Amino acid sequence: MDSAHYSPKFWTGFLLAGGASKRMGKCKADLKVSPRANQTFLQHSWSLLETVSVDQWLLGDHSHVPLDQRFIDRSTFSGPLKALVDALPEVDTEWVLLIPVDMPGLTSEILFQFQQFALQNPKGCVTLDAQGRSGFPVALPRSRFDSVLRAVEAGETSLFRVLETMQFAQWNECF
């Protein structure tokens, strides 16, 4: 990796782990990465953020992360957008990296590549899945924070609807 174009100091990492995990039957964050792994999804994802960002925040409520690094959304069924908006004023870096807790195949190398791509696309970027839908990871530059806040003030509740209106670059690397 070309480290001249990348530094964690430009990034704050947000781990999205506030969902109810209804389809899983139990908290996704507490599931093991693999049957033989000693790491949970939360531990794996948190360690990735520690590798690729200078500050890390959990958008959710899990006791494995210190309370002063959590943004707990008290609004029922509001999704990650509300917690993100609450957290953005605390960000001191130029970029925010958003990853969900339930991507155990994500690696620091993939995130480094994604971040390099984002730095070349100053409006921000979103990952496309195999079906061409917006997904994670997401890179949000500080210059676009106000756009997210205005969308929420206008009544938007979906993170990806907000991102789609912002015309982010699309990263479609396979992983």
Foldseek 3Di string as FASTA:
>chain_A
DPCVLADQAQEEEEEEQADPCVVVVDRQQQCALDPPHPHGLVRQVVVLRVVRHPHYAYAHDDPVDDPVRYQDDPDPPLGCLVSCLVCLVVDDHFKYKYDYSNDSVDDSVVVRVVVSVQSVFVLWEFEAEPVRATDDTTMHGPVCSVQSVVCVVVPDRDPRVSVVVSPHHYHYDDD
